[in-house]
Amino acid sequence: IVYAGTRKETEEYAAELSSLGLCGAAYHAGMTSAARSAVHDAFHAGELDVVVATSAFGMGIDKTDVRFVLHASVPGSLDAY
């Protein structure tokens, strides 16, 4: 999981990682509910190598095989972290 600071960054980083051969997707609150659900389901099914997300993705993620959580930018506050 890569956490980004903005919706735009999630799209940019996901596209860049995909261009490098990873199966990646963006996830943010600006997406439709159906699109967010599709990314969430694909992530839990193991169909994605990486999800690039805003903090909207962080609520309730419980997946045992997540190897890395990276922060592409510093959160605006400690609460956001």
N, C-alpha and C. Protein backbone atom coordinates (compact mmCIF):
# COMPACT_ATOMS: atom_id res chain seq x y z
N ILE A 1 0.86 -1.17 0.00
CA ILE A 1 0.00 0.00 0.00
C ILE A 1 0.90 1.23 0.00
N VAL A 2 0.60 2.16 -0.87
CA VAL A 2 1.30 3.44 -0.90
C VAL A 2 0.26 4.51 -0.59
N TYR A 3 0.51 5.28 0.45
CA TYR A 3 -0.39 6.37 0.79
C TYR A 3 0.14 7.66 0.18
N ALA A 4 -0.73 8.37 -0.49
CA ALA A 4 -0.39 9.65 -1.12
C ALA A 4 -1.23 10.75 -0.49
N GLY A 5 -0.77 11.97 -0.64
CA GLY A 5 -1.43 13.10 0.00
C GLY A 5 -2.65 13.63 -0.71
N THR A 6 -2.72 13.41 -2.02
CA THR A 6 -3.85 13.96 -2.78
C THR A 6 -4.41 12.92 -3.74
N ARG A 7 -5.61 13.18 -4.20
CA ARG A 7 -6.25 12.31 -5.18
C ARG A 7 -5.42 12.25 -6.46
N LYS A 8 -4.94 13.41 -6.88
CA LYS A 8 -4.14 13.48 -8.10
C LYS A 8 -2.88 12.63 -7.98
N GLU A 9 -2.22 12.69 -6.82
CA GLU A 9 -1.02 11.88 -6.61
C GLU A 9 -1.33 10.39 -6.69
N THR A 10 -2.48 9.97 -6.16
CA THR A 10 -2.81 8.53 -6.23
C THR A 10 -2.88 8.08 -7.68
N GLU A 11 -3.51 8.88 -8.52
CA GLU A 11 -3.64 8.54 -9.94
C GLU A 11 -2.27 8.53 -10.62
N GLU A 12 -1.46 9.54 -10.33
CA GLU A 12 -0.14 9.64 -10.96
C GLU A 12 0.77 8.49 -10.54
N TYR A 13 0.85 8.21 -9.25
CA TYR A 13 1.71 7.14 -8.76
C TYR A 13 1.23 5.77 -9.25
N ALA A 14 -0.07 5.55 -9.25
CA ALA A 14 -0.60 4.26 -9.73
C ALA A 14 -0.26 4.06 -11.20
N ALA A 15 -0.38 5.11 -11.99
CA ALA A 15 -0.04 5.02 -13.42
C ALA A 15 1.45 4.74 -13.61
N GLU A 16 2.28 5.41 -12.84
CA GLU A 16 3.73 5.20 -12.95
C GLU A 16 4.11 3.78 -12.55
N LEU A 17 3.56 3.28 -11.45
CA LEU A 17 3.86 1.92 -11.02
C LEU A 17 3.36 0.90 -12.04
N SER A 18 2.21 1.16 -12.62
CA SER A 18 1.68 0.27 -13.66
C SER A 18 2.59 0.27 -14.89
N SER A 19 3.14 1.43 -15.23
CA SER A 19 4.04 1.50 -16.39
C SER A 19 5.34 0.74 -16.14
N LEU A 20 5.65 0.50 -14.87
CA LEU A 20 6.85 -0.26 -14.51
C LEU A 20 6.57 -1.76 -14.40
N GLY A 21 5.34 -2.15 -14.71
CA GLY A 21 5.02 -3.57 -14.73
C GLY A 21 4.27 -4.10 -13.53
N LEU A 22 3.95 -3.24 -12.58
CA LEU A 22 3.17 -3.67 -11.43
C LEU A 22 1.69 -3.53 -11.74
N CYS A 23 0.90 -4.39 -11.16
CA CYS A 23 -0.55 -4.27 -11.30
C CYS A 23 -1.02 -3.38 -10.16
N GLY A 24 -1.30 -2.12 -10.47
CA GLY A 24 -1.63 -1.16 -9.44
C GLY A 24 -2.91 -0.41 -9.75
N ALA A 25 -3.49 0.16 -8.71
CA ALA A 25 -4.71 0.94 -8.85
C ALA A 25 -4.73 2.06 -7.83
N ALA A 26 -5.37 3.15 -8.21
CA ALA A 26 -5.58 4.27 -7.29
C ALA A 26 -6.87 4.05 -6.51
N TYR A 27 -6.93 4.66 -5.32
CA TYR A 27 -8.12 4.60 -4.48
C TYR A 27 -8.22 5.91 -3.73
N HIS A 28 -9.34 6.62 -3.94
CA HIS A 28 -9.55 7.88 -3.23
C HIS A 28 -11.04 8.20 -3.19
N ALA A 29 -11.39 9.16 -2.36
CA ALA A 29 -12.80 9.51 -2.15
C ALA A 29 -13.46 10.12 -3.37
N GLY A 30 -12.70 10.59 -4.33
CA GLY A 30 -13.27 11.17 -5.53
C GLY A 30 -13.76 10.15 -6.54
N MET A 31 -13.48 8.89 -6.29
CA MET A 31 -13.93 7.82 -7.18
C MET A 31 -15.37 7.45 -6.84
N THR A 32 -16.06 6.85 -7.78
CA THR A 32 -17.41 6.37 -7.48
C THR A 32 -17.33 5.24 -6.47
N SER A 33 -18.41 5.02 -5.79
CA SER A 33 -18.46 3.93 -4.82
C SER A 33 -18.17 2.59 -5.48
N ALA A 34 -18.69 2.40 -6.69
CA ALA A 34 -18.46 1.14 -7.41
C ALA A 34 -16.98 0.97 -7.75
N ALA A 35 -16.32 2.05 -8.17
CA ALA A 35 -14.90 1.98 -8.50
C ALA A 35 -14.06 1.69 -7.26
N ARG A 36 -14.39 2.34 -6.14
CA ARG A 36 -13.67 2.07 -4.89
C ARG A 36 -13.87 0.63 -4.46
N SER A 37 -15.09 0.14 -4.57
CA SER A 37 -15.38 -1.26 -4.20
C SER A 37 -14.60 -2.23 -5.08
N ALA A 38 -14.50 -1.93 -6.36
CA ALA A 38 -13.77 -2.80 -7.28
C ALA A 38 -12.29 -2.88 -6.90
N VAL A 39 -11.69 -1.74 -6.56
CA VAL A 39 -10.29 -1.74 -6.15
C VAL A 39 -10.14 -2.49 -4.83
N HIS A 40 -11.01 -2.22 -3.89
CA HIS A 40 -10.97 -2.88 -2.58
C HIS A 40 -11.08 -4.39 -2.75
N ASP A 41 -12.03 -4.84 -3.55
CA ASP A 41 -12.23 -6.28 -3.77
C ASP A 41 -11.03 -6.91 -4.47
N ALA A 42 -10.49 -6.23 -5.47
CA ALA A 42 -9.32 -6.75 -6.19
C ALA A 42 -8.11 -6.84 -5.26
N PHE A 43 -7.95 -5.86 -4.39
CA PHE A 43 -6.87 -5.87 -3.41
C PHE A 43 -6.99 -7.07 -2.48
N HIS A 44 -8.18 -7.28 -1.94
CA HIS A 44 -8.38 -8.40 -1.01
C HIS A 44 -8.30 -9.75 -1.70
N ALA A 45 -8.58 -9.81 -2.99
CA ALA A 45 -8.50 -11.06 -3.74
C ALA A 45 -7.07 -11.36 -4.20
N GLY A 46 -6.15 -10.43 -3.94
CA GLY A 46 -4.77 -10.63 -4.36
C GLY A 46 -4.51 -10.35 -5.82
N GLU A 47 -5.42 -9.63 -6.46
CA GLU A 47 -5.29 -9.32 -7.89
C GLU A 47 -4.45 -8.08 -8.17
N LEU A 48 -4.10 -7.33 -7.14
CA LEU A 48 -3.31 -6.11 -7.30
C LEU A 48 -1.98 -6.25 -6.56
N ASP A 49 -0.92 -5.76 -7.19
CA ASP A 49 0.38 -5.71 -6.51
C ASP A 49 0.43 -4.54 -5.54
N VAL A 50 -0.22 -3.45 -5.92
CA VAL A 50 -0.13 -2.23 -5.12
C VAL A 50 -1.40 -1.41 -5.26
N VAL A 51 -1.80 -0.81 -4.15
CA VAL A 51 -2.88 0.18 -4.15
C VAL A 51 -2.25 1.49 -3.70
N VAL A 52 -2.48 2.53 -4.49
CA VAL A 52 -2.01 3.87 -4.13
C VAL A 52 -3.24 4.63 -3.68
N ALA A 53 -3.24 5.05 -2.42
CA ALA A 53 -4.47 5.56 -1.84
C ALA A 53 -4.27 6.79 -0.98
N THR A 54 -5.35 7.52 -0.82
CA THR A 54 -5.40 8.55 0.21
C THR A 54 -5.80 7.85 1.50
N SER A 55 -5.92 8.60 2.57
CA SER A 55 -6.28 8.00 3.85
C SER A 55 -7.67 7.37 3.82
N ALA A 56 -8.46 7.65 2.79
CA ALA A 56 -9.78 7.03 2.66
C ALA A 56 -9.69 5.51 2.63
N PHE A 57 -8.57 4.97 2.19
CA PHE A 57 -8.40 3.52 2.10
C PHE A 57 -8.03 2.89 3.43
N GLY A 58 -7.50 3.68 4.34
CA GLY A 58 -6.93 3.14 5.56
C GLY A 58 -7.90 2.67 6.61
N MET A 59 -9.15 2.97 6.46
CA MET A 59 -10.11 2.62 7.49
C MET A 59 -10.55 1.16 7.35
N GLY A 60 -10.17 0.34 8.32
CA GLY A 60 -10.65 -1.04 8.37
C GLY A 60 -9.93 -2.03 7.47
N ILE A 61 -8.72 -1.72 7.04
CA ILE A 61 -7.97 -2.67 6.21
C ILE A 61 -7.37 -3.73 7.12
N ASP A 62 -7.71 -4.98 6.86
CA ASP A 62 -7.19 -6.10 7.65
C ASP A 62 -6.80 -7.20 6.67
N LYS A 63 -5.56 -7.16 6.24
CA LYS A 63 -5.06 -8.12 5.25
C LYS A 63 -3.69 -8.59 5.72
N THR A 64 -3.55 -9.88 5.92
CA THR A 64 -2.34 -10.41 6.56
C THR A 64 -1.11 -10.41 5.66
N ASP A 65 -1.27 -10.37 4.35
CA ASP A 65 -0.10 -10.49 3.48
C ASP A 65 0.40 -9.16 2.91
N VAL A 66 0.07 -8.06 3.55
CA VAL A 66 0.62 -6.76 3.14
C VAL A 66 2.07 -6.71 3.62
N ARG A 67 3.00 -6.56 2.67
CA ARG A 67 4.41 -6.58 3.02
C ARG A 67 4.96 -5.20 3.34
N PHE A 68 4.43 -4.17 2.67
CA PHE A 68 4.96 -2.82 2.87
C PHE A 68 3.82 -1.81 2.89
N VAL A 69 3.98 -0.81 3.73
CA VAL A 69 3.11 0.36 3.71
C VAL A 69 4.05 1.56 3.60
N LEU A 70 3.91 2.29 2.50
CA LEU A 70 4.77 3.43 2.24
C LEU A 70 3.96 4.71 2.24
N HIS A 71 4.59 5.78 2.68
CA HIS A 71 3.96 7.10 2.64
C HIS A 71 4.72 7.94 1.63
N ALA A 72 4.07 8.26 0.53
CA ALA A 72 4.70 9.04 -0.54
C ALA A 72 4.86 10.50 -0.16
N SER A 73 4.06 10.95 0.79
CA SER A 73 4.17 12.32 1.27
C SER A 73 3.80 12.34 2.75
N VAL A 74 4.22 13.36 3.42
CA VAL A 74 3.96 13.48 4.86
C VAL A 74 2.51 13.92 5.06
N PRO A 75 1.77 13.22 5.93
CA PRO A 75 0.39 13.64 6.20
C PRO A 75 0.35 15.04 6.80
N GLY A 76 -0.77 15.72 6.59
CA GLY A 76 -0.92 17.09 7.06
C GLY A 76 -0.98 17.24 8.56
N SER A 77 -1.35 16.15 9.26
CA SER A 77 -1.43 16.21 10.72
C SER A 77 -1.17 14.82 11.29
N LEU A 78 -0.92 14.77 12.58
CA LEU A 78 -0.71 13.49 13.25
C LEU A 78 -1.97 12.63 13.19
N ASP A 79 -3.13 13.27 13.31
CA ASP A 79 -4.39 12.53 13.23
C ASP A 79 -4.59 11.88 11.87
N ALA A 80 -4.12 12.53 10.82
CA ALA A 80 -4.24 11.98 9.47
C ALA A 80 -3.33 10.78 9.27
N TYR A 81 -2.29 10.67 10.08
CA TYR A 81 -1.33 9.58 9.98
C TYR A 81 -1.96 8.33 10.52
